[in-house]
Amino acid sequence: MEQKLAEFRARRRAEMEAEKSAQDERREQKDPTEPLVEAASAEEAQSKADKLQEKESSEWLLDSALGRWLGVQRLAFTNLTLLKVLLWLVLLGLFSELEFGLPFFLLSLFYWIYEGLRSPTARRPGELSAYSVFNPDCQPILGTLTAEQLEGEMGYRPMANRLRS
């Protein structure tokens, strides 16, 4: 990690030096009557460098081991989620004091199961459910293992179709 950081800084210095030399060449080629334009471009370059440095310093947590473990994309842990968890903990404490902690926890558990099983988006028209009992005519989705298919693969036959030996 430190090696990558050193390489990045070296590339950065080289880019800054190349940009400086390019600006120096432009100054030599231009008229001395345009110093105000050059000063403005130098200020813009400085402000861009400051913004880039601020961006790098703000991402120090994501570059650390903790930041990689938390991974904003992986956990999607937002302030709203944190507020919900804190509210739930406060309510759990309140209901525990009122000696209704267990019912509150069980109702919360059922609510979490309900929320977890719901899809964030509604099904499109014609889209089948994974549970065939919710589909028209109990139509299974492709790849579903049915009881009849399992019996056939295991070699079982219904009692009515067996031959007497």
N, C-alpha and C. Protein backbone atom coordinates (compact mmCIF):
# COMPACT_ATOMS: atom_id res chain seq x y z
N MET A 1 0.82 -1.19 0.00
CA MET A 1 0.00 0.00 0.00
C MET A 1 0.87 1.26 0.00
N GLU A 2 1.91 1.23 0.83
CA GLU A 2 2.80 2.39 0.89
C GLU A 2 3.54 2.57 -0.43
N GLN A 3 3.87 1.46 -1.07
CA GLN A 3 4.56 1.54 -2.35
C GLN A 3 3.64 2.18 -3.40
N LYS A 4 2.38 1.78 -3.39
CA LYS A 4 1.44 2.36 -4.34
C LYS A 4 1.27 3.86 -4.09
N LEU A 5 1.22 4.23 -2.81
CA LEU A 5 1.10 5.64 -2.47
C LEU A 5 2.32 6.43 -2.94
N ALA A 6 3.52 5.85 -2.77
CA ALA A 6 4.74 6.52 -3.22
C ALA A 6 4.74 6.66 -4.74
N GLU A 7 4.28 5.62 -5.45
CA GLU A 7 4.21 5.69 -6.90
C GLU A 7 3.22 6.77 -7.34
N PHE A 8 2.09 6.83 -6.65
CA PHE A 8 1.09 7.84 -6.98
C PHE A 8 1.64 9.25 -6.78
N ARG A 9 2.31 9.45 -5.67
CA ARG A 9 2.88 10.77 -5.39
C ARG A 9 3.96 11.14 -6.42
N ALA A 10 4.76 10.16 -6.82
CA ALA A 10 5.79 10.43 -7.83
C ALA A 10 5.15 10.81 -9.16
N ARG A 11 4.09 10.08 -9.54
CA ARG A 11 3.38 10.43 -10.77
C ARG A 11 2.78 11.82 -10.68
N ARG A 12 2.25 12.13 -9.53
CA ARG A 12 1.64 13.44 -9.31
C ARG A 12 2.66 14.54 -9.46
N ARG A 13 3.83 14.35 -8.83
CA ARG A 13 4.88 15.37 -8.94
C ARG A 13 5.31 15.54 -10.39
N ALA A 14 5.46 14.42 -11.10
CA ALA A 14 5.87 14.49 -12.50
C ALA A 14 4.83 15.24 -13.32
N GLU A 15 3.56 14.99 -13.07
CA GLU A 15 2.50 15.70 -13.80
C GLU A 15 2.52 17.19 -13.49
N MET A 16 2.71 17.52 -12.21
CA MET A 16 2.75 18.93 -11.81
C MET A 16 3.95 19.64 -12.45
N GLU A 17 5.12 18.96 -12.47
CA GLU A 17 6.30 19.54 -13.09
C GLU A 17 6.10 19.71 -14.59
N ALA A 18 5.48 18.73 -15.22
CA ALA A 18 5.22 18.84 -16.66
C ALA A 18 4.25 20.00 -16.93
N GLU A 19 3.25 20.15 -16.08
CA GLU A 19 2.30 21.24 -16.25
C GLU A 19 2.99 22.59 -16.04
N LYS A 20 3.87 22.64 -15.04
CA LYS A 20 4.61 23.88 -14.79
C LYS A 20 5.50 24.25 -15.97
N SER A 21 6.21 23.26 -16.50
CA SER A 21 7.10 23.54 -17.63
C SER A 21 6.29 23.96 -18.85
N ALA A 22 5.11 23.36 -19.03
CA ALA A 22 4.27 23.76 -20.15
C ALA A 22 3.79 25.20 -19.96
N GLN A 23 3.46 25.57 -18.74
CA GLN A 23 3.03 26.94 -18.48
C GLN A 23 4.18 27.92 -18.70
N ASP A 24 5.39 27.52 -18.27
CA ASP A 24 6.55 28.38 -18.49
C ASP A 24 6.80 28.59 -19.97
N GLU A 25 6.67 27.54 -20.76
CA GLU A 25 6.86 27.67 -22.21
C GLU A 25 5.82 28.59 -22.81
N ARG A 26 4.57 28.47 -22.33
CA ARG A 26 3.52 29.34 -22.84
C ARG A 26 3.80 30.80 -22.48
N ARG A 27 4.33 31.03 -21.30
CA ARG A 27 4.65 32.40 -20.88
C ARG A 27 5.72 33.01 -21.78
N GLU A 28 6.72 32.20 -22.10
CA GLU A 28 7.80 32.71 -22.95
C GLU A 28 7.30 33.04 -24.34
N GLN A 29 6.31 32.27 -24.82
CA GLN A 29 5.81 32.48 -26.17
C GLN A 29 4.81 33.63 -26.24
N LYS A 30 4.13 33.94 -25.14
CA LYS A 30 3.08 34.96 -25.15
C LYS A 30 3.67 36.35 -24.97
N ASP A 31 2.79 37.33 -25.19
CA ASP A 31 3.16 38.74 -24.99
C ASP A 31 3.24 39.03 -23.50
N PRO A 32 4.04 39.97 -23.11
CA PRO A 32 4.07 40.39 -21.71
C PRO A 32 2.84 41.21 -21.34
N THR A 33 1.95 41.46 -22.31
CA THR A 33 0.75 42.24 -22.02
C THR A 33 -0.36 41.41 -21.41
N GLU A 34 -0.16 40.09 -21.26
CA GLU A 34 -1.20 39.22 -20.75
C GLU A 34 -0.84 38.60 -19.41
N PRO A 35 -0.31 39.33 -18.46
CA PRO A 35 0.03 38.71 -17.17
C PRO A 35 -1.20 38.40 -16.33
N LEU A 36 -2.30 39.14 -16.54
CA LEU A 36 -3.50 38.91 -15.74
C LEU A 36 -4.13 37.56 -16.07
N VAL A 37 -4.13 37.19 -17.33
CA VAL A 37 -4.70 35.91 -17.75
C VAL A 37 -3.89 34.77 -17.16
N GLU A 38 -2.56 34.91 -17.17
CA GLU A 38 -1.70 33.86 -16.63
C GLU A 38 -1.90 33.71 -15.13
N ALA A 39 -2.08 34.84 -14.43
CA ALA A 39 -2.30 34.78 -12.99
C ALA A 39 -3.61 34.07 -12.68
N ALA A 40 -4.63 34.33 -13.49
CA ALA A 40 -5.93 33.67 -13.28
C ALA A 40 -5.81 32.17 -13.51
N SER A 41 -5.06 31.79 -14.57
CA SER A 41 -4.91 30.35 -14.84
C SER A 41 -4.09 29.68 -13.74
N ALA A 42 -3.11 30.40 -13.18
CA ALA A 42 -2.32 29.84 -12.08
C ALA A 42 -3.19 29.66 -10.84
N GLU A 43 -4.09 30.62 -10.59
CA GLU A 43 -5.00 30.49 -9.45
C GLU A 43 -5.95 29.32 -9.65
N GLU A 44 -6.43 29.14 -10.89
CA GLU A 44 -7.32 28.01 -11.18
C GLU A 44 -6.59 26.68 -10.97
N ALA A 45 -5.35 26.62 -11.41
CA ALA A 45 -4.57 25.39 -11.22
C ALA A 45 -4.36 25.11 -9.73
N GLN A 46 -4.09 26.18 -8.98
CA GLN A 46 -3.90 26.01 -7.53
C GLN A 46 -5.19 25.55 -6.87
N SER A 47 -6.34 26.13 -7.29
CA SER A 47 -7.61 25.73 -6.68
C SER A 47 -7.95 24.29 -7.04
N LYS A 48 -7.62 23.87 -8.26
CA LYS A 48 -7.84 22.47 -8.65
C LYS A 48 -6.98 21.55 -7.81
N ALA A 49 -5.73 21.92 -7.59
CA ALA A 49 -4.84 21.09 -6.77
C ALA A 49 -5.35 21.01 -5.34
N ASP A 50 -5.86 22.13 -4.81
CA ASP A 50 -6.41 22.14 -3.45
C ASP A 50 -7.63 21.23 -3.35
N LYS A 51 -8.51 21.30 -4.36
CA LYS A 51 -9.71 20.45 -4.35
C LYS A 51 -9.32 18.98 -4.41
N LEU A 52 -8.33 18.65 -5.24
CA LEU A 52 -7.88 17.27 -5.35
C LEU A 52 -7.29 16.79 -4.03
N GLN A 53 -6.54 17.65 -3.37
CA GLN A 53 -5.95 17.28 -2.08
C GLN A 53 -7.04 17.09 -1.03
N GLU A 54 -8.08 17.94 -1.04
CA GLU A 54 -9.19 17.78 -0.10
C GLU A 54 -9.92 16.47 -0.35
N LYS A 55 -10.10 16.13 -1.62
CA LYS A 55 -10.78 14.88 -1.96
C LYS A 55 -9.99 13.68 -1.45
N GLU A 56 -8.67 13.73 -1.63
CA GLU A 56 -7.83 12.63 -1.16
C GLU A 56 -7.86 12.53 0.35
N SER A 57 -7.85 13.66 1.04
CA SER A 57 -7.85 13.63 2.49
C SER A 57 -9.21 13.19 3.02
N SER A 58 -10.29 13.42 2.28
CA SER A 58 -11.61 12.99 2.74
C SER A 58 -11.81 11.49 2.54
N GLU A 59 -11.02 10.86 1.69
CA GLU A 59 -11.17 9.43 1.42
C GLU A 59 -10.18 8.59 2.21
N TRP A 60 -9.59 9.15 3.25
CA TRP A 60 -8.60 8.40 4.01
C TRP A 60 -9.24 7.21 4.72
N LEU A 61 -10.52 7.35 5.12
CA LEU A 61 -11.18 6.25 5.81
C LEU A 61 -11.40 5.08 4.87
N LEU A 62 -11.78 5.37 3.63
CA LEU A 62 -12.01 4.29 2.67
C LEU A 62 -10.72 3.58 2.30
N ASP A 63 -9.58 4.27 2.40
CA ASP A 63 -8.31 3.64 2.10
C ASP A 63 -7.77 2.82 3.26
N SER A 64 -8.32 3.00 4.45
CA SER A 64 -7.84 2.25 5.61
C SER A 64 -8.48 0.86 5.63
N ALA A 65 -7.99 0.02 6.51
CA ALA A 65 -8.52 -1.34 6.62
C ALA A 65 -9.98 -1.31 7.05
N LEU A 66 -10.32 -0.42 7.98
CA LEU A 66 -11.70 -0.30 8.42
C LEU A 66 -12.60 0.14 7.27
N GLY A 67 -12.13 1.06 6.48
CA GLY A 67 -12.92 1.53 5.34
C GLY A 67 -13.16 0.44 4.31
N ARG A 68 -12.13 -0.36 4.07
CA ARG A 68 -12.31 -1.48 3.14
C ARG A 68 -13.29 -2.49 3.71
N TRP A 69 -13.25 -2.71 5.04
CA TRP A 69 -14.15 -3.68 5.64
C TRP A 69 -15.58 -3.18 5.61
N LEU A 70 -15.76 -1.89 5.89
CA LEU A 70 -17.11 -1.34 5.88
C LEU A 70 -17.66 -1.25 4.46
N GLY A 71 -16.83 -0.89 3.52
CA GLY A 71 -17.19 -0.85 2.11
C GLY A 71 -18.56 -0.24 1.85
N VAL A 72 -18.60 1.00 1.47
CA VAL A 72 -19.86 1.69 1.28
C VAL A 72 -20.77 0.94 0.32
N GLN A 73 -20.22 0.38 -0.75
CA GLN A 73 -21.05 -0.31 -1.71
C GLN A 73 -21.57 -1.64 -1.17
N ARG A 74 -20.78 -2.31 -0.33
CA ARG A 74 -21.17 -3.64 0.11
C ARG A 74 -22.23 -3.59 1.21
N LEU A 75 -22.06 -2.76 2.21
CA LEU A 75 -22.99 -2.75 3.33
C LEU A 75 -24.15 -1.78 3.14
N ALA A 76 -23.92 -0.75 2.37
CA ALA A 76 -24.93 0.29 2.17
C ALA A 76 -25.47 0.77 3.51
N PHE A 77 -24.57 1.06 4.44
CA PHE A 77 -24.93 1.51 5.78
C PHE A 77 -25.08 3.02 5.74
N THR A 78 -26.30 3.49 5.80
CA THR A 78 -26.55 4.92 5.66
C THR A 78 -26.92 5.53 7.00
N ASN A 79 -27.01 6.83 7.03
CA ASN A 79 -27.43 7.52 8.24
C ASN A 79 -28.86 7.15 8.62
N LEU A 80 -29.71 6.94 7.62
CA LEU A 80 -31.09 6.55 7.88
C LEU A 80 -31.14 5.20 8.58
N THR A 81 -30.32 4.26 8.11
CA THR A 81 -30.28 2.95 8.74
C THR A 81 -29.79 3.06 10.18
N LEU A 82 -28.78 3.88 10.39
CA LEU A 82 -28.27 4.08 11.75
C LEU A 82 -29.35 4.67 12.66
N LEU A 83 -30.10 5.64 12.15
CA LEU A 83 -31.18 6.24 12.94
C LEU A 83 -32.27 5.22 13.26
N LYS A 84 -32.58 4.36 12.31
CA LYS A 84 -33.59 3.32 12.55
C LYS A 84 -33.13 2.36 13.64
N VAL A 85 -31.88 1.95 13.59
CA VAL A 85 -31.35 1.03 14.59
C VAL A 85 -31.35 1.68 15.96
N LEU A 86 -30.92 2.94 16.04
CA LEU A 86 -30.92 3.65 17.32
C LEU A 86 -32.33 3.81 17.87
N LEU A 87 -33.30 4.13 17.02
CA LEU A 87 -34.69 4.24 17.45
C LEU A 87 -35.19 2.91 17.98
N TRP A 88 -34.86 1.83 17.27
CA TRP A 88 -35.30 0.51 17.72
C TRP A 88 -34.69 0.17 19.09
N LEU A 89 -33.42 0.50 19.29
CA LEU A 89 -32.78 0.22 20.58
C LEU A 89 -33.43 1.03 21.71
N VAL A 90 -33.77 2.29 21.42
CA VAL A 90 -34.43 3.11 22.43
C VAL A 90 -35.80 2.53 22.77
N LEU A 91 -36.55 2.15 21.74
CA LEU A 91 -37.87 1.56 21.97
C LEU A 91 -37.76 0.23 22.71
N LEU A 92 -36.74 -0.56 22.39
CA LEU A 92 -36.55 -1.82 23.10
C LEU A 92 -36.28 -1.57 24.57
N GLY A 93 -35.46 -0.56 24.86
CA GLY A 93 -35.20 -0.21 26.25
C GLY A 93 -36.46 0.25 26.96
N LEU A 94 -37.27 1.07 26.29
CA LEU A 94 -38.51 1.56 26.87
C LEU A 94 -39.46 0.40 27.17
N PHE A 95 -39.66 -0.47 26.19
CA PHE A 95 -40.57 -1.60 26.38
C PHE A 95 -40.03 -2.59 27.41
N SER A 96 -38.72 -2.70 27.51
CA SER A 96 -38.14 -3.57 28.54
C SER A 96 -38.44 -3.03 29.93
N GLU A 97 -38.37 -1.70 30.08
CA GLU A 97 -38.72 -1.09 31.37
C GLU A 97 -40.18 -1.31 31.71
N LEU A 98 -41.03 -1.34 30.70
CA LEU A 98 -42.46 -1.58 30.91
C LEU A 98 -42.78 -3.08 30.98
N GLU A 99 -41.74 -3.91 30.94
CA GLU A 99 -41.84 -5.38 30.97
C GLU A 99 -42.58 -5.94 29.77
N PHE A 100 -42.43 -5.26 28.63
CA PHE A 100 -42.94 -5.75 27.36
C PHE A 100 -41.80 -5.90 26.35
N GLY A 101 -40.60 -6.15 26.83
CA GLY A 101 -39.43 -6.26 25.96
C GLY A 101 -39.51 -7.44 25.02
N LEU A 102 -39.90 -8.61 25.55
CA LEU A 102 -39.98 -9.82 24.71
C LEU A 102 -41.04 -9.69 23.63
N PRO A 103 -42.28 -9.25 23.96
CA PRO A 103 -43.26 -9.08 22.87
C PRO A 103 -42.80 -8.06 21.82
N PHE A 104 -42.16 -6.97 22.27
CA PHE A 104 -41.65 -5.98 21.31
C PHE A 104 -40.60 -6.61 20.40
N PHE A 105 -39.71 -7.41 20.98
CA PHE A 105 -38.67 -8.05 20.18
C PHE A 105 -39.28 -9.03 19.18
N LEU A 106 -40.26 -9.83 19.62
CA LEU A 106 -40.89 -10.81 18.72
C LEU A 106 -41.65 -10.12 17.59
N LEU A 107 -42.39 -9.05 17.93
CA LEU A 107 -43.09 -8.32 16.87
C LEU A 107 -42.09 -7.68 15.91
N SER A 108 -40.99 -7.18 16.44
CA SER A 108 -39.95 -6.62 15.57
C SER A 108 -39.38 -7.69 14.66
N LEU A 109 -39.18 -8.88 15.21
CA LEU A 109 -38.64 -9.99 14.42
C LEU A 109 -39.57 -10.34 13.26
N PHE A 110 -40.87 -10.43 13.55
CA PHE A 110 -41.83 -10.73 12.49
C PHE A 110 -41.87 -9.61 11.45
N TYR A 111 -41.75 -8.37 11.91
CA TYR A 111 -41.73 -7.25 10.96
C TYR A 111 -40.50 -7.32 10.07
N TRP A 112 -39.32 -7.65 10.65
CA TRP A 112 -38.10 -7.76 9.84
C TRP A 112 -38.21 -8.89 8.83
N ILE A 113 -38.83 -9.99 9.23
CA ILE A 113 -39.03 -11.10 8.28
C ILE A 113 -39.94 -10.65 7.15
N TYR A 114 -41.03 -9.96 7.48
CA TYR A 114 -41.95 -9.45 6.46
C TYR A 114 -41.23 -8.49 5.51
N GLU A 115 -40.48 -7.56 6.06
CA GLU A 115 -39.76 -6.58 5.23
C GLU A 115 -38.69 -7.27 4.38
N GLY A 116 -38.03 -8.26 4.94
CA GLY A 116 -36.97 -8.94 4.20
C GLY A 116 -37.50 -9.79 3.06
N LEU A 117 -38.70 -10.31 3.19
CA LEU A 117 -39.26 -11.16 2.14
C LEU A 117 -39.94 -10.34 1.05
N ARG A 118 -40.26 -9.10 1.34
CA ARG A 118 -40.86 -8.26 0.32
C ARG A 118 -39.81 -7.85 -0.69
N SER A 119 -40.22 -7.74 -1.91
CA SER A 119 -39.31 -7.25 -2.94
C SER A 119 -39.34 -5.73 -2.93
N PRO A 120 -38.20 -5.08 -3.17
CA PRO A 120 -38.21 -3.62 -3.18
C PRO A 120 -39.02 -3.04 -4.33
N THR A 121 -39.23 -3.83 -5.37
CA THR A 121 -40.02 -3.36 -6.50
C THR A 121 -41.16 -4.34 -6.74
N ALA A 122 -42.24 -3.83 -7.29
CA ALA A 122 -43.37 -4.69 -7.60
C ALA A 122 -43.04 -5.56 -8.80
N ARG A 123 -43.68 -6.72 -8.85
CA ARG A 123 -43.43 -7.61 -9.99
C ARG A 123 -44.03 -7.02 -11.27
N ARG A 124 -43.34 -7.25 -12.35
CA ARG A 124 -43.84 -6.79 -13.65
C ARG A 124 -44.97 -7.71 -14.10
N PRO A 125 -45.85 -7.22 -14.94
CA PRO A 125 -46.94 -8.08 -15.44
C PRO A 125 -46.36 -9.28 -16.19
N GLY A 126 -46.84 -10.46 -15.86
CA GLY A 126 -46.37 -11.68 -16.50
C GLY A 126 -45.18 -12.33 -15.82
N GLU A 127 -44.58 -11.66 -14.84
CA GLU A 127 -43.44 -12.23 -14.12
C GLU A 127 -43.96 -13.24 -13.10
N LEU A 128 -43.36 -14.42 -13.10
CA LEU A 128 -43.81 -15.48 -12.21
C LEU A 128 -43.16 -15.38 -10.85
N SER A 129 -43.87 -15.84 -9.83
CA SER A 129 -43.34 -15.88 -8.48
C SER A 129 -42.51 -17.14 -8.31
N ALA A 130 -41.56 -17.12 -7.37
CA ALA A 130 -40.76 -18.31 -7.10
C ALA A 130 -41.61 -19.39 -6.46
N TYR A 131 -42.72 -19.01 -5.84
CA TYR A 131 -43.63 -19.97 -5.24
C TYR A 131 -44.77 -20.22 -6.20
N SER A 132 -44.88 -21.44 -6.71
CA SER A 132 -45.84 -21.74 -7.77
C SER A 132 -47.28 -21.56 -7.32
N VAL A 133 -47.59 -21.64 -6.03
CA VAL A 133 -48.98 -21.47 -5.60
C VAL A 133 -49.48 -20.05 -5.84
N PHE A 134 -48.58 -19.08 -6.02
CA PHE A 134 -48.99 -17.71 -6.28
C PHE A 134 -49.08 -17.40 -7.77
N ASN A 135 -48.72 -18.36 -8.61
CA ASN A 135 -48.76 -18.14 -10.05
C ASN A 135 -50.09 -18.62 -10.62
N PRO A 136 -50.50 -18.08 -11.76
CA PRO A 136 -51.73 -18.57 -12.39
C PRO A 136 -51.60 -20.05 -12.73
N ASP A 137 -52.61 -20.83 -12.42
CA ASP A 137 -52.65 -22.28 -12.64
C ASP A 137 -51.50 -23.00 -11.94
N CYS A 138 -50.97 -22.42 -10.88
CA CYS A 138 -49.86 -23.00 -10.11
C CYS A 138 -48.68 -23.38 -11.01
N GLN A 139 -48.42 -22.55 -11.98
CA GLN A 139 -47.36 -22.80 -12.95
C GLN A 139 -45.99 -22.60 -12.29
N PRO A 140 -45.12 -23.65 -12.32
CA PRO A 140 -43.80 -23.50 -11.69
C PRO A 140 -42.84 -22.74 -12.62
N ILE A 141 -41.81 -22.13 -12.04
CA ILE A 141 -40.79 -21.47 -12.85
C ILE A 141 -39.83 -22.53 -13.37
N LEU A 142 -39.06 -22.17 -14.38
CA LEU A 142 -38.12 -23.13 -14.96
C LEU A 142 -37.08 -23.54 -13.93
N GLY A 143 -36.76 -24.83 -13.92
CA GLY A 143 -35.75 -25.34 -13.01
C GLY A 143 -36.30 -25.79 -11.68
N THR A 144 -37.61 -25.73 -11.51
CA THR A 144 -38.22 -26.15 -10.25
C THR A 144 -38.30 -27.67 -10.21
N LEU A 145 -37.91 -28.23 -9.09
CA LEU A 145 -37.97 -29.68 -8.90
C LEU A 145 -39.32 -30.01 -8.29
N THR A 146 -40.16 -30.74 -9.04
CA THR A 146 -41.48 -31.10 -8.55
C THR A 146 -41.43 -32.47 -7.88
N ALA A 147 -42.45 -32.77 -7.09
CA ALA A 147 -42.52 -34.07 -6.41
C ALA A 147 -42.59 -35.20 -7.43
N GLU A 148 -43.34 -35.01 -8.50
CA GLU A 148 -43.46 -36.05 -9.53
C GLU A 148 -42.10 -36.31 -10.19
N GLN A 149 -41.37 -35.24 -10.46
CA GLN A 149 -40.05 -35.39 -11.09
C GLN A 149 -39.10 -36.11 -10.13
N LEU A 150 -39.14 -35.78 -8.85
CA LEU A 150 -38.27 -36.42 -7.87
C LEU A 150 -38.60 -37.91 -7.75
N GLU A 151 -39.89 -38.24 -7.70
CA GLU A 151 -40.28 -39.65 -7.62
C GLU A 151 -39.82 -40.41 -8.86
N GLY A 152 -39.95 -39.76 -10.02
CA GLY A 152 -39.52 -40.42 -11.26
C GLY A 152 -38.02 -40.66 -11.29
N GLU A 153 -37.25 -39.71 -10.79
CA GLU A 153 -35.80 -39.87 -10.78
C GLU A 153 -35.34 -40.89 -9.75
N MET A 154 -36.10 -41.05 -8.67
CA MET A 154 -35.73 -42.01 -7.64
C MET A 154 -36.22 -43.42 -7.96
N GLY A 155 -37.04 -43.54 -8.96
CA GLY A 155 -37.51 -44.86 -9.37
C GLY A 155 -38.79 -45.29 -8.69
N TYR A 156 -39.44 -44.42 -7.97
CA TYR A 156 -40.70 -44.77 -7.34
C TYR A 156 -41.82 -44.66 -8.36
N ARG A 157 -42.79 -45.53 -8.21
CA ARG A 157 -43.97 -45.48 -9.06
C ARG A 157 -45.19 -45.45 -8.17
N PRO A 158 -46.24 -44.80 -8.60
CA PRO A 158 -47.46 -44.80 -7.79
C PRO A 158 -47.97 -46.23 -7.59
N MET A 159 -48.70 -46.47 -6.51
CA MET A 159 -49.19 -47.82 -6.19
C MET A 159 -50.11 -48.36 -7.27
N ALA A 160 -50.90 -47.51 -7.92
CA ALA A 160 -51.85 -47.98 -8.93
C ALA A 160 -51.15 -48.49 -10.16
N ASN A 161 -49.99 -48.00 -10.48
CA ASN A 161 -49.30 -48.39 -11.72
C ASN A 161 -48.31 -49.53 -11.51
N ARG A 162 -48.19 -50.04 -10.29
CA ARG A 162 -47.22 -51.12 -10.06
C ARG A 162 -47.80 -52.45 -10.53
N LEU A 163 -46.96 -53.22 -11.10
CA LEU A 163 -47.36 -54.55 -11.55
C LEU A 163 -47.18 -55.54 -10.39
N ARG A 164 -48.16 -56.44 -10.28
CA ARG A 164 -48.04 -57.43 -9.22
C ARG A 164 -47.13 -58.54 -9.69
N SER A 165 -46.20 -58.92 -8.84
CA SER A 165 -45.27 -59.98 -9.20
C SER A 165 -45.63 -61.27 -8.52
